[in-house]
């Protein structure tokens, strides 16, 4: 069954200096980041164009040190104005 959203993944990096990467499926994006926060910001920057290209929302998943995955929730300015409730994955912020 196909997912109704595109998925971006940020795998955990053991090194405090990275590199942290953003992946879509098994393919990493070419840029690497020095921290998890920078990788999350990179994924948030990639998400709107990817969403527009694919015509569906993008979810960002961040791997924790214990190996579990957490959905990173974020707000994309301008994409949800006047639409009522934003699509899943686009209406909350990561704590």
Protein backbone atom coordinates (compact mmCIF):
# COMPACT_ATOMS: atom_id res chain seq x y z
CA UNK A 1 0.00 0.00 0.00
CA UNK A 2 1.43 3.40 -0.97
CA UNK A 3 1.85 6.10 1.62
CA UNK A 4 -0.16 9.28 1.24
CA UNK A 5 2.90 11.33 2.14
CA UNK A 6 6.53 11.47 1.10
CA UNK A 7 9.08 10.54 3.76
CA UNK A 8 12.38 12.18 4.69
CA UNK A 9 14.66 10.49 7.21
CA UNK A 10 17.48 11.84 9.36
CA UNK A 11 19.49 8.87 10.69
CA UNK A 12 21.26 9.26 14.04
CA UNK A 13 24.97 10.06 13.89
CA UNK A 14 27.23 8.77 16.69
CA UNK A 15 29.67 11.63 16.13
CA UNK A 16 28.92 14.94 17.83
CA UNK A 17 30.31 16.66 14.74
CA UNK A 18 28.28 14.72 12.20
CA UNK A 19 27.94 14.29 9.46
CA UNK A 20 24.17 14.29 9.71
CA UNK A 21 22.34 13.51 6.48
CA UNK A 22 18.82 13.72 5.10
CA UNK A 23 17.59 10.68 3.14
CA UNK A 24 14.59 9.98 0.98
CA UNK A 25 14.19 6.19 0.93
CA UNK A 26 17.72 4.83 0.50
CA UNK A 27 19.05 7.90 -1.31
CA UNK A 28 20.79 10.63 0.68
CA UNK A 29 20.59 14.23 -0.46
CA UNK A 30 24.06 15.50 -1.46
CA UNK A 31 24.51 17.93 1.44
CA UNK A 32 25.57 16.80 4.92
CA UNK A 33 25.09 18.82 8.11
CA UNK A 34 27.24 19.41 11.21
CA UNK A 35 24.42 18.78 13.71
CA UNK A 36 21.01 17.16 14.06
CA UNK A 37 19.37 20.59 14.33
CA UNK A 38 21.04 21.67 11.08
CA UNK A 39 19.86 18.47 9.36
CA UNK A 40 16.30 19.09 10.58
CA UNK A 41 16.47 22.65 9.23
CA UNK A 42 17.78 21.25 5.93
CA UNK A 43 14.92 18.76 5.73
CA UNK A 44 12.42 21.54 6.49
CA UNK A 45 13.96 23.56 3.65
CA UNK A 46 13.72 20.60 1.23
CA UNK A 47 10.16 19.63 2.20
CA UNK A 48 8.11 22.39 0.48
CA UNK A 49 9.68 21.88 -2.96
CA UNK A 50 9.44 18.09 -2.62
CA UNK A 51 5.81 18.40 -1.56
CA UNK A 52 5.03 20.62 -4.55
CA UNK A 53 6.87 18.26 -6.91
CA UNK A 54 5.08 15.14 -5.65
CA UNK A 55 1.72 16.75 -4.89
CA UNK A 56 1.55 15.36 -1.36
CA UNK A 57 2.72 16.28 2.15
CA UNK A 58 6.19 15.44 3.38
CA UNK A 59 6.87 13.85 6.75
CA UNK A 60 10.25 14.17 8.44
CA UNK A 61 11.43 11.34 10.71
CA UNK A 62 14.41 11.75 13.06
CA UNK A 63 16.24 8.76 14.51
CA UNK A 64 17.03 8.99 18.23
CA UNK A 65 20.20 7.71 19.95
CA UNK A 66 18.33 4.57 21.08
CA UNK A 67 17.45 3.71 17.46
CA UNK A 68 13.78 4.73 17.61
CA UNK A 69 12.29 7.09 15.05
CA UNK A 70 10.28 10.19 15.98
CA UNK A 71 8.17 12.19 13.56
CA UNK A 72 9.37 15.78 13.40
CA UNK A 73 6.36 18.06 13.15
CA UNK A 74 6.71 21.49 11.60
CA UNK A 75 4.80 24.39 10.12
CA UNK A 76 5.32 25.43 6.52
CA UNK A 77 4.39 29.09 6.21
CA UNK A 78 2.11 29.98 3.33
CA UNK A 79 1.20 26.41 2.39
CA UNK A 80 -1.76 26.12 4.73
CA UNK A 81 -3.23 29.63 4.78
CA UNK A 82 -7.00 29.61 4.36
CA UNK A 83 -7.28 25.83 4.13
CA UNK A 84 -8.63 25.12 7.59
CA UNK A 85 -6.75 22.23 9.17
CA UNK A 86 -3.28 21.70 7.68
CA UNK A 87 -2.31 18.25 6.35
CA UNK A 88 -0.80 15.78 8.84
CA UNK A 89 2.87 16.51 9.47
CA UNK A 90 2.46 20.18 8.72
CA UNK A 91 0.59 21.48 11.73
CA UNK A 92 2.78 20.88 14.75
CA UNK A 93 6.27 21.73 15.92
CA UNK A 94 8.90 19.30 17.22
CA UNK A 95 9.28 19.67 20.97
